[in-house]
Amino acid sequence: MSDRFSLEGKNAAVVGAGSGIAEAAAVGCAEHGARVTCLDVDAEAAAATAARIRGAGGQADSGAVDIRDADSVETAFGGVAKRQGSLDAVICSPAVNVRKPLLQYTDEEFDRVIGLNLKGSLHVLQSAGRIMADQGSGSIVLYSSIRSLVVEPGQSIYAATKAGIVQMARATAAELGPSGVRVNVVAPGVVETPLTEPIKAQPEWYEAYANRSILGRWASPEEMVGPTVFLISDAASYMTGSVIFVDGGWTAIDGRFTPPGM
């Protein structure tokens, strides 16, 4: 059974691999035996992650991709499939957030968040889905968030995109399942990444988030690797259209108050 968790012989493309969760995922996939193509809008950052993997004895190369541009995604994924002979797994993490009340949102800010988080995910699903459907197999993992389920002031549009990612992934899973393609979602809680730097810089805000979860702390990017690797491995061969919340119990509880005598 342990062999089913191995990624030996699989060709994986990891989008956003220049930093954060996707960087950790790229390294983790390589450690489990996959040949990884590190993709990022920052080509130098992607190359650095690939070099790190090769330095540890893994197989990796890199390239640039802007998921807001459908042609860029087609070129990147098509290149992986052509060079490696298949595109077995795609992992995608890039997202942006503009924290402000809904009534203060501008059209430009709305388009920016929707354009990357939701439209970018659409391009990834379309391009990877076509390639995988043609080859009759493949696994796609997108990253949503606890904000797909619970919100707070200032998170309206970001939350809407994260909920949208879940529903797009589920619909794509339904459409591509007969072709042998699986589509799943990892929904992290609060993770220490470049996206959350503004929160980390404010101790009171940082601690409030840490104390909100059952485990009482933030996650590291590496703690998202296990669920991600699992979903693209054969161990998850009967999982599609699923969402795994990796949130330290955030969505399992309603506040941290413990009644007297408990």
Protein backbone atom coordinates (compact mmCIF):
# COMPACT_ATOMS: atom_id res chain seq x y z
CA MET A 1 0.00 0.00 0.00
CA SER A 2 2.86 2.41 0.71
CA ASP A 3 3.78 2.34 -2.98
CA ARG A 4 0.50 4.07 -3.78
CA PHE A 5 1.79 7.21 -2.06
CA SER A 6 4.85 7.31 -4.31
CA LEU A 7 5.05 9.78 -7.19
CA GLU A 8 7.77 7.86 -9.03
CA GLY A 9 7.35 8.19 -12.78
CA LYS A 10 4.90 11.09 -12.55
CA ASN A 11 5.47 14.45 -14.25
CA ALA A 12 4.13 17.31 -12.16
CA ALA A 13 3.79 21.01 -12.95
CA VAL A 14 3.60 23.28 -9.91
CA VAL A 15 2.34 26.81 -10.51
CA GLY A 16 3.51 29.42 -8.03
CA ALA A 17 6.57 27.35 -7.17
CA GLY A 18 8.73 30.41 -6.63
CA SER A 19 7.52 30.90 -3.05
CA GLY A 20 5.16 29.89 -0.29
CA ILE A 21 2.91 26.85 -0.36
CA ALA A 22 3.66 25.95 -3.98
CA GLU A 23 7.41 26.09 -3.38
CA ALA A 24 7.00 23.62 -0.52
CA ALA A 25 4.70 21.48 -2.69
CA ALA A 26 7.23 21.38 -5.53
CA VAL A 27 9.97 20.24 -3.16
CA GLY A 28 7.64 17.70 -1.56
CA CYS A 29 6.56 16.24 -4.89
CA ALA A 30 10.20 15.81 -5.91
CA GLU A 31 11.01 14.15 -2.60
CA HIS A 32 8.24 11.66 -3.32
CA GLY A 33 9.76 10.83 -6.70
CA ALA A 34 8.04 13.12 -9.21
CA ARG A 35 9.83 15.02 -11.93
CA VAL A 36 8.74 18.57 -11.19
CA THR A 37 8.46 21.58 -13.45
CA CYS A 38 8.51 24.69 -11.28
CA LEU A 39 6.41 27.46 -12.83
CA ASP A 40 5.94 31.02 -11.64
CA VAL A 41 5.35 34.50 -13.01
CA ASP A 42 8.80 35.17 -11.52
CA ALA A 43 11.00 32.93 -13.66
CA GLU A 44 14.07 33.49 -11.48
CA ALA A 45 12.23 32.38 -8.35
CA ALA A 46 10.97 29.27 -10.14
CA ALA A 47 14.50 28.50 -11.30
CA ALA A 48 15.78 28.86 -7.74
CA THR A 49 13.27 26.31 -6.47
CA ALA A 50 14.20 23.91 -9.27
CA ALA A 51 17.88 24.33 -8.42
CA ARG A 52 17.10 23.59 -4.77
CA ILE A 53 15.36 20.36 -5.79
CA ARG A 54 18.22 19.27 -8.04
CA GLY A 55 20.69 20.10 -5.29
CA ALA A 56 18.89 17.63 -3.06
CA GLY A 57 19.04 14.93 -5.72
CA GLY A 58 15.60 15.43 -7.24
CA GLN A 59 14.48 15.99 -10.82
CA ALA A 60 13.30 19.47 -11.72
CA ASP A 61 13.28 22.16 -14.33
CA SER A 62 11.51 25.50 -14.45
CA GLY A 63 9.74 28.07 -16.56
CA ALA A 64 7.65 31.22 -16.53
CA VAL A 65 3.86 31.32 -16.58
CA ASP A 66 1.24 33.99 -16.00
CA ILE A 67 -2.05 32.23 -15.27
CA ARG A 68 -3.97 35.41 -16.10
CA ASP A 69 -2.96 34.75 -19.73
CA ALA A 70 -4.54 31.65 -21.26
CA ASP A 71 -1.86 31.40 -23.96
CA SER A 72 0.89 31.48 -21.35
CA VAL A 73 -0.71 28.58 -19.49
CA GLU A 74 -1.21 26.58 -22.69
CA THR A 75 2.44 27.08 -23.63
CA ALA A 76 3.72 26.11 -20.20
CA PHE A 77 1.64 22.96 -19.74
CA GLY A 78 1.97 21.93 -23.37
CA GLY A 79 5.72 22.25 -23.05
CA VAL A 80 5.79 19.96 -20.02
CA ALA A 81 3.68 17.33 -21.76
CA LYS A 82 5.85 17.47 -24.89
CA ARG A 83 9.21 17.37 -23.08
CA GLN A 84 8.31 14.76 -20.48
CA GLY A 85 5.82 12.71 -22.47
CA SER A 86 2.89 13.35 -20.11
CA LEU A 87 1.37 15.84 -17.71
CA ASP A 88 0.34 13.70 -14.76
CA ALA A 89 -0.27 16.33 -12.10
CA VAL A 90 -0.84 20.06 -11.89
CA ILE A 91 -0.79 22.01 -8.65
CA CYS A 92 -1.79 25.69 -8.62
CA SER A 93 -1.55 28.16 -5.74
CA PRO A 94 -1.23 31.83 -6.90
CA ALA A 95 -3.70 34.27 -5.35
CA VAL A 96 -4.00 37.91 -4.43
CA ASN A 97 -6.11 39.66 -1.82
CA VAL A 98 -7.19 43.28 -1.45
CA ARG A 99 -8.39 43.66 2.14
CA LYS A 100 -11.00 46.40 2.38
CA PRO A 101 -14.73 46.83 2.95
CA LEU A 102 -16.93 45.87 0.03
CA LEU A 103 -18.38 49.36 -0.24
CA GLN A 104 -14.88 50.74 -0.82
CA TYR A 105 -13.85 48.27 -3.54
CA THR A 106 -12.98 49.77 -6.91
CA ASP A 107 -13.62 48.09 -10.23
CA GLU A 108 -9.87 47.84 -10.78
CA GLU A 109 -9.37 46.04 -7.46
CA PHE A 110 -12.26 43.70 -8.18
CA ASP A 111 -10.86 42.84 -11.60
CA ARG A 112 -7.40 42.30 -10.13
CA VAL A 113 -8.56 39.77 -7.53
CA ILE A 114 -11.02 37.99 -9.82
CA GLY A 115 -8.54 38.03 -12.71
CA LEU A 116 -5.83 36.13 -10.86
CA ASN A 117 -7.68 33.98 -8.36
CA LEU A 118 -10.70 32.91 -10.38
CA LYS A 119 -9.90 33.51 -14.06
CA GLY A 120 -6.36 32.24 -13.53
CA SER A 121 -7.73 29.04 -12.00
CA LEU A 122 -10.08 28.72 -14.99
CA HIS A 123 -7.12 28.84 -17.37
CA VAL A 124 -5.28 26.19 -15.36
CA LEU A 125 -8.31 23.88 -15.31
CA GLN A 126 -8.93 24.34 -19.03
CA SER A 127 -5.37 23.82 -20.22
CA ALA A 128 -4.45 20.97 -17.88
CA GLY A 129 -7.87 19.42 -18.35
CA ARG A 130 -7.55 19.26 -22.13
CA ILE A 131 -4.11 17.66 -22.00
CA MET A 132 -5.07 15.16 -19.31
CA ALA A 133 -8.37 14.24 -20.97
CA ASP A 134 -6.52 13.50 -24.21
CA GLN A 135 -4.03 11.24 -22.42
CA GLY A 136 -6.77 9.60 -20.33
CA SER A 137 -5.34 10.34 -16.89
CA GLY A 138 -4.17 13.09 -14.57
CA SER A 139 -4.76 14.90 -11.32
CA ILE A 140 -5.28 18.62 -10.70
CA VAL A 141 -5.05 20.24 -7.27
CA LEU A 142 -6.13 23.83 -6.71
CA TYR A 143 -5.80 25.82 -3.50
CA SER A 144 -8.86 27.42 -1.98
CA SER A 145 -9.03 28.65 1.62
CA ILE A 146 -11.08 28.58 4.79
CA ARG A 147 -12.49 31.79 3.31
CA SER A 148 -14.49 29.64 0.90
CA LEU A 149 -16.58 28.70 3.92
CA VAL A 150 -16.15 31.41 6.60
CA VAL A 151 -15.46 35.12 6.19
CA GLU A 152 -14.54 38.26 8.09
CA PRO A 153 -14.81 41.99 7.28
CA GLY A 154 -12.59 43.00 4.38
CA GLN A 155 -12.51 39.56 2.77
CA SER A 156 -15.58 39.69 0.53
CA ILE A 157 -14.09 39.43 -2.95
CA TYR A 158 -11.20 37.16 -1.94
CA ALA A 159 -13.69 34.85 -0.22
CA ALA A 160 -15.92 34.87 -3.29
CA THR A 161 -13.01 33.74 -5.47
CA LYS A 162 -12.04 30.98 -3.06
CA ALA A 163 -15.60 29.68 -2.98
CA GLY A 164 -15.68 29.94 -6.77
CA ILE A 165 -12.52 27.86 -7.07
CA VAL A 166 -14.20 25.06 -5.11
CA GLN A 167 -17.26 25.05 -7.34
CA MET A 168 -15.24 25.26 -10.56
CA ALA A 169 -13.09 22.36 -9.39
CA ARG A 170 -16.15 20.27 -8.51
CA ALA A 171 -17.79 20.95 -11.86
CA THR A 172 -14.57 20.17 -13.73
CA ALA A 173 -14.22 16.94 -11.74
CA ALA A 174 -17.71 15.95 -12.86
CA GLU A 175 -16.99 16.82 -16.48
CA LEU A 176 -13.55 15.19 -16.74
CA GLY A 177 -14.06 12.15 -14.52
CA PRO A 178 -15.16 9.95 -17.43
CA SER A 179 -11.84 10.82 -19.12
CA GLY A 180 -9.80 9.61 -16.15
CA VAL A 181 -8.98 13.06 -14.76
CA ARG A 182 -9.33 13.87 -11.06
CA VAL A 183 -9.74 17.40 -9.68
CA ASN A 184 -9.50 18.23 -5.98
CA VAL A 185 -8.98 21.21 -3.69
CA VAL A 186 -6.84 21.91 -0.64
CA ALA A 187 -8.26 24.64 1.60
CA PRO A 188 -5.60 25.98 3.99
CA GLY A 189 -6.16 28.00 7.12
CA VAL A 190 -3.67 30.70 8.11
CA VAL A 191 -0.27 29.88 6.62
CA GLU A 192 2.95 31.87 6.86
CA THR A 193 3.48 32.91 3.24
CA PRO A 194 4.28 36.14 1.37
CA LEU A 195 0.52 36.72 1.01
CA THR A 196 0.12 36.91 4.80
CA GLU A 197 3.15 39.12 5.49
CA PRO A 198 0.95 42.16 6.34
CA ILE A 199 -0.68 40.14 9.14
CA LYS A 200 2.59 38.74 10.47
CA ALA A 201 3.88 42.30 10.76
CA GLN A 202 1.15 43.14 13.29
CA PRO A 203 1.62 41.03 16.47
CA GLU A 204 -1.91 41.51 17.82
CA TRP A 205 -3.49 40.45 14.53
CA TYR A 206 -1.05 37.56 14.15
CA GLU A 207 -1.83 36.23 17.64
CA ALA A 208 -5.57 36.61 17.15
CA TYR A 209 -5.41 34.38 14.09
CA ALA A 210 -3.19 31.87 15.85
CA ASN A 211 -5.55 31.62 18.81
CA ARG A 212 -8.59 31.19 16.58
CA SER A 213 -7.60 27.65 15.56
CA ILE A 214 -7.81 24.53 17.71
CA LEU A 215 -4.05 24.06 17.53
CA GLY A 216 -3.38 27.66 18.54
CA ARG A 217 -0.83 28.48 15.88
CA TRP A 218 -0.24 29.27 12.24
CA ALA A 219 0.74 26.61 9.70
CA SER A 220 3.98 26.43 7.78
CA PRO A 221 3.88 25.96 4.00
CA GLU A 222 5.40 22.50 4.49
CA GLU A 223 2.28 21.42 6.39
CA MET A 224 0.28 21.73 3.17
CA VAL A 225 2.56 19.27 1.35
CA GLY A 226 1.16 16.03 2.75
CA PRO A 227 -2.45 16.60 1.67
CA THR A 228 -1.27 17.86 -1.73
CA VAL A 229 1.01 14.92 -2.43
CA PHE A 230 -1.72 12.56 -1.27
CA LEU A 231 -4.26 14.01 -3.70
CA ILE A 232 -2.02 13.60 -6.75
CA SER A 233 -0.87 10.13 -5.73
CA ASP A 234 -2.55 6.83 -6.53
CA ALA A 235 -3.52 6.59 -2.86
CA ALA A 236 -6.26 9.12 -3.69
CA SER A 237 -7.39 7.32 -6.84
CA TYR A 238 -11.05 7.37 -5.74
CA MET A 239 -11.05 11.02 -4.69
CA THR A 240 -12.31 13.69 -7.03
CA GLY A 241 -14.42 16.79 -6.49
CA SER A 242 -13.26 16.80 -2.87
CA VAL A 243 -12.10 19.62 -0.59
CA ILE A 244 -9.59 18.95 2.18
CA PHE A 245 -9.50 21.65 4.86
CA VAL A 246 -6.01 21.91 6.37
CA ASP A 247 -6.76 24.61 8.90
CA GLY A 248 -5.75 23.51 12.39
CA GLY A 249 -9.42 22.99 13.19
CA TRP A 250 -10.43 26.59 12.35
CA THR A 251 -13.65 25.57 10.57
CA ALA A 252 -14.49 22.91 13.17
CA ILE A 253 -15.13 25.32 16.04
CA ASP A 254 -17.11 28.48 16.64
CA GLY A 255 -14.77 30.64 18.67
CA ARG A 256 -12.40 29.74 21.49
CA PHE A 257 -14.54 30.44 24.57
CA THR A 258 -14.67 27.54 27.04
CA PRO A 259 -17.70 27.64 29.36
CA PRO A 260 -17.03 27.50 33.11
CA GLY A 261 -16.71 23.99 34.47
CA MET A 262 -15.79 22.45 31.13
